[in-house]
Amino acid sequence: MNTIEESKKIPLKLMTMEDAKRIQRAECLENNGQVEKGGFAARAMRAAMKNESQTINQNLKK
């Protein structure tokens, strides 16, 4: 690590389905069982699904 900025970087962690489920559950509990369209929980689930799909595709190519 050459600079202070590099040492402070947070390592990249992809959104997993478990992460998205936890976020969605919390939002449902706060909003009477509803997930807001376009809200954080919905975006988290979309990202998790995309990451899972990419992982599956990479594994199929091996």
Protein backbone atom coordinates (compact mmCIF):
# COMPACT_ATOMS: atom_id res chain seq x y z
CA MET A 1 0.00 0.00 0.00
CA ASN A 2 1.57 3.20 -1.18
CA THR A 3 -0.74 5.87 0.15
CA ILE A 4 -2.98 6.52 3.11
CA GLU A 5 -6.00 6.52 0.80
CA GLU A 6 -5.20 3.01 -0.40
CA SER A 7 -4.89 1.72 3.16
CA LYS A 8 -8.33 3.12 4.05
CA LYS A 9 -10.16 1.45 1.16
CA ILE A 10 -12.89 -0.96 2.14
CA PRO A 11 -12.57 -4.31 0.37
CA LEU A 12 -15.26 -5.02 -2.20
CA LYS A 13 -17.96 -7.40 -0.98
CA LEU A 14 -20.70 -8.40 -3.37
CA MET A 15 -24.31 -8.38 -2.21
CA THR A 16 -25.42 -11.94 -1.48
CA MET A 17 -28.91 -13.38 -1.38
CA GLU A 18 -28.58 -13.73 2.40
CA ASP A 19 -27.70 -10.03 2.69
CA ALA A 20 -30.65 -9.04 0.52
CA LYS A 21 -33.04 -11.28 2.47
CA ARG A 22 -31.96 -9.69 5.74
CA ILE A 23 -32.46 -6.18 4.35
CA GLN A 24 -35.81 -7.06 2.81
CA ARG A 25 -37.03 -8.62 6.06
CA ALA A 26 -36.12 -5.50 8.02
CA GLU A 27 -37.96 -3.28 5.53
CA CYS A 28 -41.03 -5.52 5.63
CA LEU A 29 -41.13 -5.35 9.41
CA GLU A 30 -40.98 -1.55 9.28
CA ASN A 31 -43.58 -1.15 6.50
CA ASN A 32 -46.38 -3.57 7.40
CA GLY A 33 -45.08 -6.33 5.14
CA GLN A 34 -44.39 -4.10 2.14
CA VAL A 35 -41.18 -3.56 0.20
CA GLU A 36 -41.02 -0.18 -1.50
CA LYS A 37 -40.67 -0.37 -5.26
CA GLY A 38 -37.22 0.97 -6.15
CA GLY A 39 -36.28 1.16 -2.46
CA PHE A 40 -33.05 -0.07 -0.93
CA ALA A 41 -34.35 -3.58 -0.25
CA ALA A 42 -35.52 -3.96 -3.84
CA ARG A 43 -32.20 -2.71 -5.20
CA ALA A 44 -30.31 -5.02 -2.83
CA MET A 45 -32.30 -8.02 -4.07
CA ARG A 46 -31.70 -7.06 -7.70
CA ALA A 47 -27.96 -6.77 -7.05
CA ALA A 48 -27.88 -10.11 -5.24
CA MET A 49 -29.71 -11.82 -8.09
CA LYS A 50 -27.30 -10.32 -10.62
CA ASN A 51 -24.27 -11.42 -8.58
CA GLU A 52 -25.65 -14.94 -8.16
CA SER A 53 -26.35 -15.20 -11.89
CA GLN A 54 -22.82 -14.05 -12.76
CA THR A 55 -21.33 -16.56 -10.32
CA ILE A 56 -23.34 -19.40 -11.84
CA ASN A 57 -22.31 -18.37 -15.37
CA GLN A 58 -18.63 -18.22 -14.37
CA ASN A 59 -18.85 -21.69 -12.82
CA LEU A 60 -20.46 -23.11 -15.96
CA LYS A 61 -17.60 -21.78 -18.10
CA LYS A 62 -14.99 -23.69 -16.08
